[in-house]
C-alpha atoms as a PDB file:
ATOM      1  CA  MET A   1       6.986 -88.325 229.168  1.00  0.00           C
ATOM      2  CA  SER A   2       7.874 -91.462 227.035  1.00  0.00           C
ATOM      3  CA  ARG A   3      10.750 -91.745 224.704  1.00  0.00           C
ATOM      4  CA  VAL A   4      10.339 -91.575 220.939  1.00  0.00           C
ATOM      5  CA  ASN A   5       8.630 -94.397 219.249  1.00  0.00           C
ATOM      6  CA  HIS A   6       7.935 -96.267 222.942  1.00  0.00           C
ATOM      7  CA  PRO A   7       4.560 -96.477 224.091  1.00  0.00           C
ATOM      8  CA  ASP A   8       3.771 -94.883 227.691  1.00  0.00           C
ATOM      9  CA  THR A   9       3.648 -97.296 230.502  1.00  0.00           C
ATOM     10  CA  LEU A  10       2.143 -96.871 234.051  1.00  0.00           C
ATOM     11  CA  VAL A  11       5.291 -96.210 235.317  1.00  0.00           C
ATOM     12  CA  THR A  12       6.244 -93.348 233.012  1.00  0.00           C
ATOM     13  CA  LEU A  13       2.567 -91.708 233.585  1.00  0.00           C
ATOM     14  CA  LEU A  14       3.136 -91.934 237.214  1.00  0.00           C
ATOM     15  CA  ARG A  15       6.453 -90.303 237.117  1.00  0.00           C
ATOM     16  CA  GLU A  16       5.281 -87.736 234.804  1.00  0.00           C
ATOM     17  CA  VAL A  17       2.205 -87.061 237.300  1.00  0.00           C
ATOM     18  CA  GLN A  18       4.648 -86.865 240.149  1.00  0.00           C
ATOM     19  CA  ARG A  19       7.020 -84.246 238.325  1.00  0.00           C
ATOM     20  CA  ARG A  20       3.897 -82.216 237.379  1.00  0.00           C
ATOM     21  CA  LEU A  21       2.806 -82.169 241.174  1.00  0.00           C
ATOM     22  CA  ARG A  22       6.208 -81.286 242.144  1.00  0.00           C
ATOM     23  CA  VAL A  23       5.956 -78.173 240.037  1.00  0.00           C
ATOM     24  CA  LEU A  24       2.750 -77.259 240.827  1.00  0.00           C
ATOM     25  CA  GLU A  25       3.509 -77.646 244.458  1.00  0.00           C
ATOM     26  CA  GLY A  26       6.523 -75.353 244.110  1.00  0.00           C
ATOM     27  CA  THR A  27       4.506 -72.396 242.133  1.00  0.00           C
ATOM     28  CA  ARG A  28       1.869 -72.715 244.930  1.00  0.00           C
ATOM     29  CA  HIS A  29       4.363 -71.840 247.647  1.00  0.00           C
ATOM     30  CA  THR A  30       5.672 -69.177 245.858  1.00  0.00           C
ATOM     31  CA  ALA A  31       2.422 -67.671 244.859  1.00  0.00           C
ATOM     32  CA  THR A  32       1.349 -67.817 248.778  1.00  0.00           C
ATOM     33  CA  PHE A  33       4.627 -66.448 249.695  1.00  0.00           C
ATOM     34  CA  ALA A  34       3.989 -63.452 246.785  1.00  0.00           C
ATOM     35  CA  ALA A  35       0.694 -63.111 248.137  1.00  0.00           C
ATOM     36  CA  ALA A  36       1.805 -62.300 251.552  1.00  0.00           C
ATOM     37  CA  VAL A  37       4.206 -60.043 250.665  1.00  0.00           C
ATOM     38  CA  ALA A  38       1.719 -58.160 248.645  1.00  0.00           C
ATOM     39  CA  ALA A  39      -0.452 -57.921 251.826  1.00  0.00           C
ATOM     40  CA  GLU A  40       2.030 -55.997 253.691  1.00  0.00           C
ATOM     41  CA  PRO A  41       1.064 -52.316 254.361  1.00  0.00           C
ATOM     42  CA  GLY A  42       3.540 -50.855 252.123  1.00  0.00           C
ATOM     43  CA  PRO A  43       7.191 -51.326 250.051  1.00  0.00           C
ATOM     44  CA  ALA A  44      10.544 -51.252 251.869  1.00  0.00           C
ATOM     45  CA  LEU A  45      11.749 -47.475 251.572  1.00  0.00           C
ATOM     46  CA  ALA A  46      15.061 -46.304 252.098  1.00  0.00           C
ATOM     47  CA  PHE A  47      15.926 -44.010 255.076  1.00  0.00           C
ATOM     48  CA  GLN A  48      16.591 -39.932 254.668  1.00  0.00           C
ATOM     49  CA  PRO A  49      19.251 -38.251 256.237  1.00  0.00           C
ATOM     50  CA  ALA A  50      18.262 -37.474 259.899  1.00  0.00           C
ATOM     51  CA  ARG A  51      20.428 -33.959 260.204  1.00  0.00           C
ATOM     52  CA  PRO A  52      18.909 -31.014 258.504  1.00  0.00           C
ATOM     53  CA  GLN A  53      22.228 -30.023 257.166  1.00  0.00           C
ATOM     54  CA  ASP A  54      22.492 -33.193 255.352  1.00  0.00           C
ATOM     55  CA  TRP A  55      19.063 -32.530 253.529  1.00  0.00           C
ATOM     56  CA  PRO A  56      18.917 -31.497 250.029  1.00  0.00           C
ATOM     57  CA  GLY A  57      18.821 -27.728 249.706  1.00  0.00           C
ATOM     58  CA  THR A  58      18.775 -24.622 247.490  1.00  0.00           C
ATOM     59  CA  THR A  59      20.276 -21.035 247.409  1.00  0.00           C
ATOM     60  CA  ALA A  60      18.292 -20.133 244.612  1.00  0.00           C
ATOM     61  CA  GLY A  61      15.625 -17.777 244.384  1.00  0.00           C
ATOM     62  CA  GLY A  62      13.672 -19.459 241.688  1.00  0.00           C
ATOM     63  CA  TRP A  63      11.708 -22.701 242.222  1.00  0.00           C
ATOM     64  CA  THR A  64      14.131 -25.912 242.622  1.00  0.00           C
ATOM     65  CA  PRO A  65      13.251 -29.402 242.579  1.00  0.00           C
ATOM     66  CA  LEU A  66      14.963 -31.117 245.624  1.00  0.00           C
ATOM     67  CA  VAL A  67      13.658 -34.661 245.842  1.00  0.00           C
ATOM     68  CA  ARG A  68      11.145 -36.651 243.433  1.00  0.00           C
ATOM     69  CA  LEU A  69       9.165 -39.854 243.750  1.00  0.00           C
ATOM     70  CA  LEU A  70       7.669 -41.704 240.828  1.00  0.00           C
ATOM     71  CA  THR A  71       4.434 -43.384 241.722  1.00  0.00           C
ATOM     72  CA  ARG A  72       1.863 -45.517 240.615  1.00  0.00           C
ATOM     73  CA  PRO A  73      -1.647 -44.024 240.776  1.00  0.00           C
ATOM     74  CA  GLY A  74      -3.363 -43.632 244.180  1.00  0.00           C
ATOM     75  CA  ALA A  75      -3.633 -41.774 247.250  1.00  0.00           C
ATOM     76  CA  PHE A  76      -0.352 -40.465 249.316  1.00  0.00           C
ATOM     77  CA  VAL A  77       0.369 -38.423 252.384  1.00  0.00           C
ATOM     78  CA  VAL A  78       3.423 -36.331 251.609  1.00  0.00           C
ATOM     79  CA  VAL A  79       5.157 -35.536 254.758  1.00  0.00           C
ATOM     80  CA  LEU A  80       7.599 -32.306 254.549  1.00  0.00           C
ATOM     81  CA  GLU A  81      10.043 -31.304 257.133  1.00  0.00           C
ATOM     82  CA  ALA A  82      11.991 -27.937 256.040  1.00  0.00           C
ATOM     83  CA  VAL A  83      14.560 -25.652 257.426  1.00  0.00           C
ATOM     84  CA  ALA A  84      15.776 -22.163 256.193  1.00  0.00           C
ATOM     85  CA  ASP A  85      18.756 -20.266 257.104  1.00  0.00           C
ATOM     86  CA  SER A  86      17.044 -16.957 256.768  1.00  0.00           C
ATOM     87  CA  GLU A  87      13.488 -17.485 254.883  1.00  0.00           C
ATOM     88  CA  GLY A  88      12.292 -19.468 252.331  1.00  0.00           C
ATOM     89  CA  GLU A  89       9.232 -21.432 250.872  1.00  0.00           C
ATOM     90  CA  VAL A  90       8.688 -25.073 250.054  1.00  0.00           C
ATOM     91  CA  ARG A  91       5.943 -26.832 247.836  1.00  0.00           C
ATOM     92  CA  VAL A  92       4.694 -30.227 246.637  1.00  0.00           C
ATOM     93  CA  VAL A  93       4.353 -30.585 243.027  1.00  0.00           C
ATOM     94  CA  VAL A  94       1.967 -33.246 241.691  1.00  0.00           C
ATOM     95  CA  ASP A  95       1.966 -34.459 238.202  1.00  0.00           C
ATOM     96  CA  GLY A  96       3.158 -30.885 237.152  1.00  0.00           C
ATOM     97  CA  GLU A  97       0.726 -29.052 239.182  1.00  0.00           C
ATOM     98  CA  ALA A  98       1.711 -27.430 242.313  1.00  0.00           C
ATOM     99  CA  ALA A  99      -0.637 -28.639 245.299  1.00  0.00           C
ATOM    100  CA  GLU A 100       0.720 -26.528 248.315  1.00  0.00           C
ATOM    101  CA  THR A 101       3.127 -23.878 249.187  1.00  0.00           C
ATOM    102  CA  PHE A 102       4.503 -23.531 253.012  1.00  0.00           C
ATOM    103  CA  ALA A 103       6.651 -20.862 254.374  1.00  0.00           C
ATOM    104  CA  VAL A 104       9.997 -21.952 255.847  1.00  0.00           C
ATOM    105  CA  THR A 105      11.727 -20.084 258.697  1.00  0.00           C
ATOM    106  CA  GLY A 106      14.805 -21.035 260.838  1.00  0.00           C
ATOM    107  CA  ASP A 107      13.070 -23.537 262.675  1.00  0.00           C
ATOM    108  CA  VAL A 108      12.411 -27.224 261.436  1.00  0.00           C
ATOM    109  CA  SER A 109       8.855 -27.328 260.341  1.00  0.00           C
ATOM    110  CA  ARG A 110       6.817 -30.156 259.509  1.00  0.00           C
ATOM    111  CA  HIS A 111       3.918 -30.203 256.979  1.00  0.00           C
ATOM    112  CA  GLU A 112       1.535 -33.013 255.747  1.00  0.00           C
ATOM    113  CA  VAL A 113      -0.164 -32.842 252.239  1.00  0.00           C
ATOM    114  CA  ALA A 114      -2.738 -35.321 251.052  1.00  0.00           C
ATOM    115  CA  VAL A 115      -2.548 -36.137 247.665  1.00  0.00           C
ATOM    116  CA  ALA A 116      -3.726 -38.068 244.499  1.00  0.00           C
ATOM    117  CA  ALA A 117      -0.902 -38.767 242.144  1.00  0.00           C
ATOM    118  CA  SER A 118      -0.550 -40.892 238.941  1.00  0.00           C
ATOM    119  CA  ALA A 119       3.140 -40.350 238.361  1.00  0.00           C
ATOM    120  CA  GLU A 120       5.180 -38.166 239.952  1.00  0.00           C
ATOM    121  CA  LEU A 121       5.612 -36.113 243.311  1.00  0.00           C
ATOM    122  CA  VAL A 122       8.309 -33.360 243.366  1.00  0.00           C
ATOM    123  CA  VAL A 123       9.309 -31.268 246.348  1.00  0.00           C
ATOM    124  CA  GLU A 124      10.627 -27.806 245.296  1.00  0.00           C
ATOM    125  CA  ALA A 125      12.029 -25.144 247.437  1.00  0.00           C
ATOM    126  CA  ARG A 126      13.273 -21.486 246.863  1.00  0.00           C
ATOM    127  CA  ARG A 127      14.962 -18.759 249.068  1.00  0.00           C
ATOM    128  CA  THR A 128      12.762 -15.925 249.916  1.00  0.00           C
ATOM    129  CA  GLY A 129      15.223 -14.044 252.378  1.00  0.00           C
ATOM    130  CA  ALA A 130      18.149 -12.361 251.369  1.00  0.00           C
ATOM    131  CA  THR A 131      20.649 -14.831 251.803  1.00  0.00           C
ATOM    132  CA  GLY A 132      20.981 -18.804 252.755  1.00  0.00           C
ATOM    133  CA  THR A 133      20.076 -22.145 252.073  1.00  0.00           C
ATOM    134  CA  VAL A 134      16.523 -23.924 252.158  1.00  0.00           C
ATOM    135  CA  ARG A 135      16.684 -27.498 252.941  1.00  0.00           C
ATOM    136  CA  VAL A 136      13.878 -30.061 252.819  1.00  0.00           C
ATOM    137  CA  THR A 137      13.380 -33.909 253.423  1.00  0.00           C
ATOM    138  CA  ALA A 138      10.251 -35.626 252.655  1.00  0.00           C
ATOM    139  CA  PHE A 139       8.458 -38.970 252.777  1.00  0.00           C
ATOM    140  CA  ALA A 140       5.272 -40.422 250.965  1.00  0.00           C
ATOM    141  CA  LEU A 141       2.963 -42.732 252.876  1.00  0.00           C
ATOM    142  CA  ALA A 142       0.624 -44.568 250.818  1.00  0.00           C
ATOM    143  CA  GLY A 143      -2.879 -43.729 252.188  1.00  0.00           C
END
């Protein structure tokens, strides 16, 4: 732009056009990068503990929330792995409504639940045996 009270010259106009082109080119590369990142299959997710003894657990006889995921609306496959010292149950709760419940024993079991969530996924567990802990880990895959 020209200085106040000075008419624009060809040189000042050319400089302004070059400046705007540099800004637009920088924006175009940023937009291309953002589009490439958005096209990736899913967001980066944190690792979960690998050892069952490190998974979140409960000794309560009532339903206890152990892991939670806040989501955007969409379809997901929730993959659960659970183990209990004696006996227990785990369930997936989708937006406050129980979706599916599974019995858990002393062996690590794996379950998959297809859900459509709009706000929240919660995995709850409870002990149904006399004593012990029920442990759970869960993953949500966009799908």
